[in-house]
Amino acid sequence: MYLKRHIDKALLDWKESPSRKPLLIRGARQVGKSSAVRNLSKHFEHFVEINFDEKPEYQRLFESASDIDDLIEQLSILTGTKIIEGKTLVFLDEIQASLAAISKLRYFYEKKPNLHVIAAGSLLEFALSALPSFGVGRVRSMFMYPFSFNEFLGALNEDSLVNAMTASNSAIPLNPLIHEKIKTYFKKFLIIGGMPQAVKTYVVQGDLLEVQRILDDLIIALQADFVKYKKQVEPSAIKSVFDSVVMQVGARFKYSNEFLSLTNPMVKQVVDLLEMAGLIYKVTHSSCNGLPIGAEANPKKVKLLIFDTGIYQRILGLDIASLLLKDDVEIVNKGNIAELFVGLEMIKSGDSYQRSGLHYWHRESKSSQAEVDYVVQNQTSIVPVEVKAGTKGAMQSMYLFMDEKKSKWGVRTSLENFGEFDQVKVIPLYAISVLNTKPLEVL
């Protein structure tokens, strides 16, 4: 059973594009890259799938082929499938295992521009770092992430709830009963997360305990992969840093004091490796004096987000009953899971062809300290976003930011319904992705 993803439309648009390039789908392990490509293959007469991990002999084929025509001819013979421009989709999976295959992607564009070619792989970023100019201008990247909340609702055949959210704003909030229903799904999503296997297990079985077992399996598999990331970094060091990232979600990441046996440069190296693997995302401090926000980013001041709320709550061992039964989300980590969710939703709802960057703002002085959880660009405006796990909370930092940066609007995202007061738009946590799709003035 295939569960629909937002990337499906982007893939179909790529299929029909007259200026199409070979596509490289990038993302963490087990986020659904291969499944999405196989689903796309239904729109072709022929489908060729090569997995370089399962069949290493194809690595030698790509290394020895004299040119693209020779390569295509041999692939067609070995797979017993016709490879015809415009009618065949060629899928090169786990392509990180073959640098020769990555290097040849550019030649498909140059020699066979009408042939549909997609490549994907886990730990792909490490292979690309060894080939920094493998296909500039000739290969297009598309980024894929775990399920978003809207995708989760779609998997449960609750598209009507997504439509209701999309149609709502501060002037026309959601019906209170619909709001409560979405909140129930939202709390379950925090527990389940967006990993396809966990989502599918819940959709098919409706068993949150079995979902927890699936998450345990995924965590074990992710940690087993640590040995593949970089030979010069000990897997134990990677695990230590990864565990510390989980513990520090929502706070500025401290490179020192937590790792008695690791130097700061080594910790930074591991952080970079985990980011390349798609397991963590950086939220970088910015002074936010103008657009683009990243122009004034300070890479020495970062928060780090783990890539999935389900994995996060499982590693921490949070009390999932409190998430489901309480009226708000004030749990052991005092709202950090809500802040994590918001950051992940902003990434997932961004442009599929660009790697989204996240930013926050803080000011430290003897007279006052202030911090805004996220700062985003909405149209041509810089907008501060404060995350509140429950329905209450002071927002002095947001007002300070708005006054200092002359912001027209601020956003509070919580478990409240859509609303507005004092130049602040209230957006439900579960609907925060609308900031990437609608002008704030109409929300």
Protein backbone atom coordinates (compact mmCIF):
# COMPACT_ATOMS: atom_id res chain seq x y z
CA MET A 1 0.00 0.00 0.00
CA TYR A 2 1.41 3.34 -1.06
CA LEU A 3 0.57 6.41 1.01
CA LYS A 4 0.39 9.62 -1.00
CA ARG A 5 3.13 12.19 -0.50
CA HIS A 6 3.40 15.87 -1.46
CA ILE A 7 6.50 15.04 -3.49
CA ASP A 8 4.29 13.00 -5.86
CA LYS A 9 3.09 16.17 -7.61
CA ALA A 10 6.63 17.54 -7.87
CA LEU A 11 7.75 14.27 -9.45
CA LEU A 12 4.89 14.32 -11.96
CA ASP A 13 5.72 17.94 -12.84
CA TRP A 14 9.34 16.87 -13.40
CA LYS A 15 8.17 14.02 -15.65
CA GLU A 16 6.25 16.43 -17.88
CA SER A 17 8.80 19.26 -17.87
CA PRO A 18 10.33 20.01 -21.31
CA SER A 19 13.53 21.21 -19.63
CA ARG A 20 13.90 18.15 -17.45
CA LYS A 21 17.28 17.12 -15.99
CA PRO A 22 18.33 13.88 -14.26
CA LEU A 23 16.91 14.04 -10.77
CA LEU A 24 18.77 13.32 -7.54
CA ILE A 25 16.44 12.70 -4.58
CA ARG A 26 18.18 13.54 -1.33
CA GLY A 27 17.11 12.81 2.23
CA ALA A 28 17.66 10.67 5.30
CA ARG A 29 17.31 6.90 5.32
CA GLN A 30 13.83 5.37 5.14
CA VAL A 31 11.91 8.58 4.47
CA GLY A 32 10.23 7.06 1.41
CA LYS A 33 12.46 8.04 -1.51
CA SER A 34 12.37 4.66 -3.28
CA SER A 35 8.64 4.19 -2.71
CA ALA A 36 7.88 7.59 -4.25
CA VAL A 37 9.91 6.76 -7.36
CA ARG A 38 8.23 3.36 -7.74
CA ASN A 39 4.87 5.09 -7.47
CA LEU A 40 5.94 7.49 -10.22
CA SER A 41 6.93 4.53 -12.41
CA LYS A 42 3.23 3.69 -12.86
CA HIS A 43 3.10 6.62 -15.30
CA PHE A 44 5.67 5.00 -17.63
CA GLU A 45 5.49 2.09 -20.04
CA HIS A 46 8.79 0.67 -18.81
CA PHE A 47 10.66 0.84 -15.51
CA VAL A 48 14.27 -0.07 -14.79
CA GLU A 49 15.42 -0.13 -11.16
CA ILE A 50 19.08 -0.67 -10.30
CA ASN A 51 20.07 -1.04 -6.64
CA PHE A 52 23.83 -0.68 -6.33
CA ASP A 53 23.86 -2.13 -2.82
CA GLU A 54 22.00 -5.29 -3.77
CA LYS A 55 23.76 -5.77 -7.12
CA PRO A 56 27.33 -4.43 -6.92
CA GLU A 57 28.08 -5.85 -10.38
CA TYR A 58 26.26 -2.84 -11.80
CA GLN A 59 28.96 -0.64 -10.25
CA ARG A 60 31.47 -2.30 -12.56
CA LEU A 61 29.16 -1.77 -15.51
CA PHE A 62 29.05 1.98 -14.93
CA GLU A 63 32.82 2.04 -14.49
CA SER A 64 33.55 0.14 -17.71
CA ALA A 65 30.89 1.45 -20.14
CA SER A 66 32.54 3.37 -22.98
CA ASP A 67 29.72 5.91 -23.38
CA ILE A 68 26.04 6.48 -22.51
CA ASP A 69 24.73 4.61 -25.55
CA ASP A 70 26.84 1.59 -24.61
CA LEU A 71 25.67 1.84 -20.99
CA ILE A 72 21.99 2.02 -21.93
CA GLU A 73 22.31 -0.92 -24.30
CA GLN A 74 23.92 -3.09 -21.63
CA LEU A 75 21.38 -2.03 -18.98
CA SER A 76 18.55 -2.95 -21.31
CA ILE A 77 20.05 -6.40 -21.97
CA LEU A 78 20.80 -7.14 -18.31
CA THR A 79 17.39 -6.03 -17.03
CA GLY A 80 15.38 -7.39 -19.96
CA THR A 81 13.59 -4.04 -20.24
CA LYS A 82 13.33 -1.60 -23.12
CA ILE A 83 14.97 1.74 -22.40
CA ILE A 84 13.22 4.26 -24.63
CA GLU A 85 13.39 8.01 -24.27
CA GLY A 86 10.07 9.38 -23.06
CA LYS A 87 8.68 5.93 -22.22
CA THR A 88 11.13 4.44 -19.70
CA LEU A 89 11.97 5.56 -16.18
CA VAL A 90 15.49 4.57 -15.09
CA PHE A 91 15.91 4.51 -11.30
CA LEU A 92 19.41 4.26 -9.84
CA ASP A 93 18.90 3.44 -6.16
CA GLU A 94 21.56 3.50 -3.43
CA ILE A 95 23.70 5.39 -5.93
CA GLN A 96 26.08 6.49 -3.18
CA ALA A 97 27.70 3.05 -3.59
CA SER A 98 28.88 3.96 -7.10
CA LEU A 99 30.82 7.18 -7.66
CA ALA A 100 31.00 6.24 -11.35
CA ALA A 101 27.21 6.22 -11.57
CA ILE A 102 26.96 9.61 -9.85
CA SER A 103 29.55 11.03 -12.24
CA LYS A 104 27.65 9.70 -15.28
CA LEU A 105 24.38 11.44 -14.37
CA ARG A 106 25.54 14.58 -16.18
CA TYR A 107 26.07 12.62 -19.39
CA PHE A 108 22.48 11.40 -19.42
CA TYR A 109 21.46 15.06 -19.60
CA GLU A 110 24.00 15.87 -22.31
CA LYS A 111 23.53 12.77 -24.50
CA LYS A 112 20.01 11.54 -23.66
CA PRO A 113 18.05 14.59 -22.48
CA ASN A 114 14.67 12.97 -23.13
CA LEU A 115 15.38 9.91 -20.98
CA HIS A 116 13.84 10.05 -17.51
CA VAL A 117 16.56 9.27 -14.95
CA ILE A 118 16.21 9.45 -11.17
CA ALA A 119 18.86 8.60 -8.60
CA ALA A 120 18.50 8.28 -4.84
CA GLY A 121 20.35 6.83 -1.91
CA SER A 122 20.96 6.85 1.82
CA LEU A 123 24.11 8.58 3.06
CA LEU A 124 24.25 10.14 -0.40
CA GLU A 125 25.65 13.42 0.91
CA PHE A 126 28.96 11.76 1.77
CA ALA A 127 29.45 10.55 -1.78
CA LEU A 128 28.56 13.98 -3.16
CA SER A 129 31.11 15.63 -0.90
CA ALA A 130 33.76 13.58 -2.71
CA LEU A 131 32.46 14.91 -6.05
CA PRO A 132 31.73 18.59 -5.39
CA SER A 133 31.24 19.42 -9.07
CA PHE A 134 29.77 16.14 -10.27
CA GLY A 135 27.07 17.74 -12.42
CA VAL A 136 26.60 21.44 -11.81
CA GLY A 137 23.83 22.70 -14.07
CA ARG A 138 23.16 19.22 -15.46
CA VAL A 139 21.58 17.43 -12.49
CA ARG A 140 18.69 18.69 -10.37
CA SER A 141 18.29 17.87 -6.67
CA MET A 142 14.98 17.30 -4.92
CA PHE A 143 14.81 17.02 -1.14
CA MET A 144 12.54 14.60 0.71
CA TYR A 145 11.66 14.40 4.39
CA PRO A 146 9.47 12.29 6.69
CA PHE A 147 5.68 12.75 6.50
CA SER A 148 4.36 16.20 7.35
CA PHE A 149 1.25 16.53 9.51
CA ASN A 150 -0.88 17.27 6.44
CA GLU A 151 0.48 14.16 4.73
CA PHE A 152 -0.33 12.19 7.88
CA LEU A 153 -3.93 13.39 7.76
CA GLY A 154 -4.07 12.46 4.08
CA ALA A 155 -2.84 8.95 4.89
CA LEU A 156 -5.77 8.66 7.30
CA ASN A 157 -8.22 9.82 4.58
CA GLU A 158 -8.79 13.06 6.45
CA ASP A 159 -8.19 15.42 3.54
CA SER A 160 -11.31 17.34 4.56
CA LEU A 161 -9.51 18.43 7.73
CA VAL A 162 -6.58 19.69 5.66
CA ASN A 163 -9.02 21.61 3.45
CA ALA A 164 -10.69 23.11 6.52
CA MET A 165 -7.32 24.29 7.86
CA THR A 166 -6.41 25.77 4.51
CA ALA A 167 -9.69 27.72 4.36
CA SER A 168 -9.37 29.10 7.90
CA ASN A 169 -7.76 32.30 9.18
CA SER A 170 -8.02 34.75 12.06
CA ALA A 171 -11.29 36.15 10.70
CA ILE A 172 -12.78 32.71 10.02
CA PRO A 173 -11.38 30.29 12.62
CA LEU A 174 -12.06 26.59 12.58
CA ASN A 175 -15.27 25.20 13.98
CA PRO A 176 -14.42 24.31 17.62
CA LEU A 177 -15.34 20.65 17.10
CA ILE A 178 -13.09 20.40 14.04
CA HIS A 179 -10.31 22.18 15.95
CA GLU A 180 -10.54 19.61 18.75
CA LYS A 181 -10.54 16.73 16.29
CA ILE A 182 -7.39 18.02 14.58
CA LYS A 183 -5.74 18.53 17.98
CA THR A 184 -6.32 14.85 18.76
CA TYR A 185 -4.64 13.82 15.51
CA PHE A 186 -1.84 16.33 16.15
CA LYS A 187 -0.98 14.80 19.51
CA LYS A 188 -0.91 11.34 17.96
CA PHE A 189 1.36 12.62 15.21
CA LEU A 190 3.85 13.93 17.78
CA ILE A 191 4.06 10.39 19.12
CA ILE A 192 4.08 8.58 15.77
CA GLY A 193 6.24 11.03 13.84
CA GLY A 194 6.59 11.04 10.09
CA MET A 195 8.72 8.00 9.29
CA PRO A 196 6.76 6.10 6.60
CA GLN A 197 6.99 2.73 8.33
CA ALA A 198 5.61 4.18 11.57
CA VAL A 199 2.83 6.07 9.77
CA LYS A 200 1.84 3.03 7.70
CA THR A 201 1.77 0.84 10.81
CA TYR A 202 -0.64 3.23 12.50
CA VAL A 203 -2.80 3.63 9.38
CA VAL A 204 -3.13 -0.14 8.92
CA GLN A 205 -3.23 -1.32 12.53
CA GLY A 206 -4.19 1.74 14.59
CA ASP A 207 -1.88 0.44 17.33
CA LEU A 208 0.32 3.04 19.02
CA LEU A 209 2.19 0.37 21.01
CA GLU A 210 3.21 -1.37 17.79
CA VAL A 211 4.27 2.02 16.42
CA GLN A 212 6.60 2.39 19.40
CA ARG A 213 8.19 -0.97 18.53
CA ILE A 214 8.65 0.16 14.94
CA LEU A 215 10.33 3.34 16.18
CA ASP A 216 12.66 1.25 18.33
CA ASP A 217 13.61 -0.77 15.25
CA LEU A 218 14.26 2.42 13.28
CA ILE A 219 16.45 3.85 16.03
CA ILE A 220 18.52 0.66 16.13
CA ALA A 221 18.91 0.77 12.33
CA LEU A 222 19.94 4.44 12.37
CA GLN A 223 22.53 3.82 15.06
CA ALA A 224 23.86 0.80 13.17
CA ASP A 225 24.48 3.13 10.24
CA PHE A 226 26.83 5.27 12.32
CA VAL A 227 29.68 2.96 11.34
CA LYS A 228 29.16 3.96 7.69
CA TYR A 229 29.26 7.73 8.12
CA LYS A 230 32.97 8.33 8.29
CA LYS A 231 35.73 5.85 8.95
CA GLN A 232 37.84 8.30 10.93
CA VAL A 233 35.05 9.00 13.44
CA GLU A 234 34.26 6.41 16.08
CA PRO A 235 30.62 5.23 16.03
CA SER A 236 30.51 5.75 19.80
CA ALA A 237 31.41 9.41 19.31
CA ILE A 238 28.63 9.82 16.74
CA LYS A 239 26.13 8.22 19.10
CA SER A 240 27.23 10.45 21.97
CA VAL A 241 26.79 13.61 19.92
CA PHE A 242 23.48 12.41 18.48
CA ASP A 243 22.13 11.67 21.97
CA SER A 244 23.26 15.10 23.14
CA VAL A 245 21.44 16.76 20.23
CA VAL A 246 18.26 14.99 21.36
CA MET A 247 18.74 16.27 24.92
CA GLN A 248 19.40 19.83 23.78
CA VAL A 249 16.52 20.31 21.33
CA GLY A 250 15.07 23.78 21.87
CA ALA A 251 18.26 25.21 23.37
CA ARG A 252 21.43 26.63 21.91
CA PHE A 253 23.69 23.67 21.29
CA LYS A 254 26.71 23.46 23.58
CA TYR A 255 29.76 21.93 21.93
CA SER A 256 31.74 21.79 25.15
CA ASN A 257 31.24 20.40 28.67
CA GLU A 258 29.01 17.59 27.46
CA PHE A 259 31.77 15.54 25.83
CA LEU A 260 34.67 14.97 28.20
CA SER A 261 36.45 12.71 25.73
CA LEU A 262 35.79 14.78 22.58
CA THR A 263 37.33 18.04 21.51
CA ASN A 264 35.14 20.86 20.23
CA PRO A 265 36.42 20.43 16.64
CA MET A 266 35.57 16.72 16.79
CA VAL A 267 32.06 17.46 18.07
CA LYS A 268 31.58 19.97 15.27
CA GLN A 269 32.75 17.39 12.73
CA VAL A 270 30.21 14.87 14.01
CA VAL A 271 27.44 17.51 13.94
CA ASP A 272 28.29 18.23 10.31
CA LEU A 273 28.18 14.50 9.53
CA LEU A 274 24.77 14.10 11.15
CA GLU A 275 23.49 17.10 9.22
CA MET A 276 24.80 15.64 5.96
CA ALA A 277 23.02 12.37 6.78
CA GLY A 278 19.74 14.25 7.19
CA LEU A 279 19.38 13.24 10.85
CA ILE A 280 19.61 16.75 12.28
CA TYR A 281 18.84 20.26 11.08
CA LYS A 282 20.47 23.49 12.18
CA VAL A 283 18.57 26.54 13.38
CA THR A 284 21.10 29.35 13.02
CA HIS A 285 21.10 32.66 14.84
CA SER A 286 20.57 35.73 12.67
CA SER A 287 20.58 39.45 13.48
CA CYS A 288 17.53 39.73 11.21
CA ASN A 289 18.13 43.27 10.00
CA GLY A 290 17.06 42.51 6.43
CA LEU A 291 16.43 39.93 3.75
CA PRO A 292 17.63 37.33 3.16
CA ILE A 293 17.61 36.35 6.81
CA GLY A 294 20.59 34.05 6.27
CA ALA A 295 22.80 36.97 5.21
CA GLU A 296 23.41 37.82 8.87
CA ALA A 297 23.52 34.26 10.20
CA ASN A 298 26.09 33.39 12.85
CA PRO A 299 27.10 29.72 12.43
CA LYS A 300 28.71 29.74 15.88
CA LYS A 301 25.27 30.07 17.47
CA VAL A 302 22.98 27.21 16.52
CA LYS A 303 20.15 25.13 17.83
CA LEU A 304 19.91 21.57 16.52
CA LEU A 305 16.74 19.66 15.69
CA ILE A 306 16.46 15.90 15.35
CA PHE A 307 14.67 14.97 12.13
CA ASP A 308 11.50 13.36 13.53
CA THR A 309 9.25 13.85 16.58
CA GLY A 310 8.47 10.14 16.86
CA ILE A 311 12.13 9.20 17.01
CA TYR A 312 12.68 12.10 19.43
CA GLN A 313 10.01 11.11 21.95
CA ARG A 314 11.05 7.46 21.79
CA ILE A 315 14.72 8.17 22.52
CA LEU A 316 13.76 10.44 25.43
CA GLY A 317 11.23 7.94 26.73
CA LEU A 318 8.50 10.54 27.07
CA ASP A 319 5.18 9.67 28.67
CA ILE A 320 2.99 9.28 25.60
CA ALA A 321 -0.14 8.97 27.76
CA SER A 322 0.35 12.54 28.96
CA LEU A 323 0.52 13.70 25.35
CA LEU A 324 -2.78 12.05 24.55
CA LEU A 325 -4.76 12.72 27.72
CA LYS A 326 -3.80 16.22 28.83
CA ASP A 327 -5.52 19.28 27.44
CA ASP A 328 -2.23 20.83 26.41
CA VAL A 329 1.23 19.65 25.47
CA GLU A 330 3.04 20.69 28.63
CA ILE A 331 5.08 17.56 29.17
CA VAL A 332 8.44 16.68 30.65
CA ASN A 333 10.47 18.70 28.16
CA LYS A 334 8.32 21.83 28.66
CA GLY A 335 7.33 22.39 25.10
CA ASN A 336 10.52 21.40 23.26
CA ILE A 337 8.61 18.84 21.22
CA ALA A 338 6.29 21.62 20.07
CA GLU A 339 9.27 23.74 19.01
CA LEU A 340 10.75 20.72 17.25
CA PHE A 341 7.49 20.09 15.41
CA VAL A 342 7.29 23.69 14.18
CA GLY A 343 10.82 23.65 12.80
CA LEU A 344 10.28 20.34 11.03
CA GLU A 345 6.98 21.49 9.50
CA MET A 346 8.63 24.64 8.15
CA ILE A 347 11.30 22.49 6.50
CA LYS A 348 8.84 19.95 5.09
CA SER A 349 6.54 22.58 3.62
CA GLY A 350 9.34 24.42 1.83
CA ASP A 351 10.32 24.22 -1.83
CA SER A 352 11.16 20.61 -2.82
CA TYR A 353 14.08 21.87 -4.92
CA GLN A 354 15.78 23.84 -2.16
CA ARG A 355 17.26 22.87 1.18
CA SER A 356 15.37 24.96 3.69
CA GLY A 357 17.29 26.97 6.29
CA LEU A 358 15.92 27.80 9.74
CA HIS A 359 16.82 30.80 11.88
CA TYR A 360 16.20 32.18 15.35
CA TRP A 361 17.01 35.47 17.05
CA HIS A 362 18.28 36.34 20.48
CA ARG A 363 19.74 39.35 22.22
CA GLU A 364 22.01 39.17 25.22
CA SER A 365 22.77 42.24 27.27
CA LYS A 366 23.20 43.13 30.91
CA SER A 367 19.86 44.89 30.94
CA SER A 368 17.80 42.29 29.10
CA GLN A 369 17.90 38.92 27.40
CA ALA A 370 15.43 37.99 24.71
CA GLU A 371 14.97 35.11 22.30
CA VAL A 372 12.50 34.37 19.52
CA ASP A 373 12.10 30.67 18.65
CA TYR A 374 12.02 31.12 14.86
CA VAL A 375 12.30 33.98 12.42
CA VAL A 376 10.88 33.32 8.96
CA GLN A 377 10.41 35.15 5.69
CA ASN A 378 6.79 35.55 4.65
CA GLN A 379 6.55 37.26 1.28
CA THR A 380 8.83 40.30 1.75
CA SER A 381 8.49 40.48 5.53
CA ILE A 382 10.60 39.15 8.40
CA VAL A 383 8.25 37.50 10.89
CA PRO A 384 9.08 36.39 14.45
CA VAL A 385 7.43 33.12 15.55
CA GLU A 386 6.94 32.19 19.19
CA VAL A 387 6.10 28.58 20.02
CA LYS A 388 3.92 27.93 23.05
CA ALA A 389 3.22 24.33 24.02
CA GLY A 390 -0.06 25.21 25.73
CA THR A 391 -2.47 28.08 25.14
CA LYS A 392 -0.81 30.67 27.36
CA GLY A 393 2.58 32.27 27.63
CA ALA A 394 4.17 35.69 27.73
CA MET A 395 5.69 37.06 24.56
CA GLN A 396 7.98 39.85 25.74
CA SER A 397 10.77 38.70 23.43
CA MET A 398 8.49 38.82 20.39
CA TYR A 399 7.30 42.33 21.17
CA LEU A 400 10.89 43.43 21.74
CA PHE A 401 11.85 41.99 18.34
CA MET A 402 8.87 43.61 16.62
CA ASP A 403 9.71 46.99 18.12
CA GLU A 404 13.43 46.77 17.35
CA LYS A 405 13.02 45.40 13.79
CA LYS A 406 9.83 47.36 12.97
CA SER A 407 7.93 44.18 12.17
CA LYS A 408 4.31 44.63 11.19
CA TRP A 409 3.25 41.21 12.44
CA GLY A 410 4.35 38.53 14.83
CA VAL A 411 3.09 34.93 15.10
CA ARG A 412 2.19 32.92 18.16
CA THR A 413 1.68 29.26 17.43
CA SER A 414 0.04 27.13 20.10
CA LEU A 415 -2.94 24.85 20.60
CA GLU A 416 -5.30 27.79 20.22
CA ASN A 417 -7.59 28.21 17.25
CA PHE A 418 -6.81 30.80 14.56
CA GLY A 419 -6.98 34.33 15.99
CA GLU A 420 -5.43 37.78 16.10
CA PHE A 421 -4.57 40.44 18.71
CA ASP A 422 -2.12 43.33 19.09
CA GLN A 423 -0.42 42.78 15.71
CA VAL A 424 0.01 39.09 16.52
CA LYS A 425 -1.47 36.36 14.37
CA VAL A 426 -2.36 33.19 16.28
CA ILE A 427 -1.85 30.06 14.21
CA PRO A 428 -2.52 26.56 15.58
CA LEU A 429 0.60 24.44 15.90
CA TYR A 430 -0.82 21.87 13.52
CA ALA A 431 -1.32 24.52 10.80
CA ILE A 432 2.02 26.34 11.07
CA SER A 433 3.05 25.27 7.55
CA VAL A 434 0.65 27.89 6.15
CA LEU A 435 3.42 30.43 6.78
CA ASN A 436 5.17 28.94 3.75
CA THR A 437 2.11 29.07 1.53
CA LYS A 438 0.05 32.17 2.40
CA PRO A 439 0.75 35.88 2.99
CA LEU A 440 0.48 36.60 6.70
CA GLU A 441 -2.01 39.42 6.04
CA VAL A 442 -4.68 36.94 4.95
CA LEU A 443 -4.14 34.52 7.83
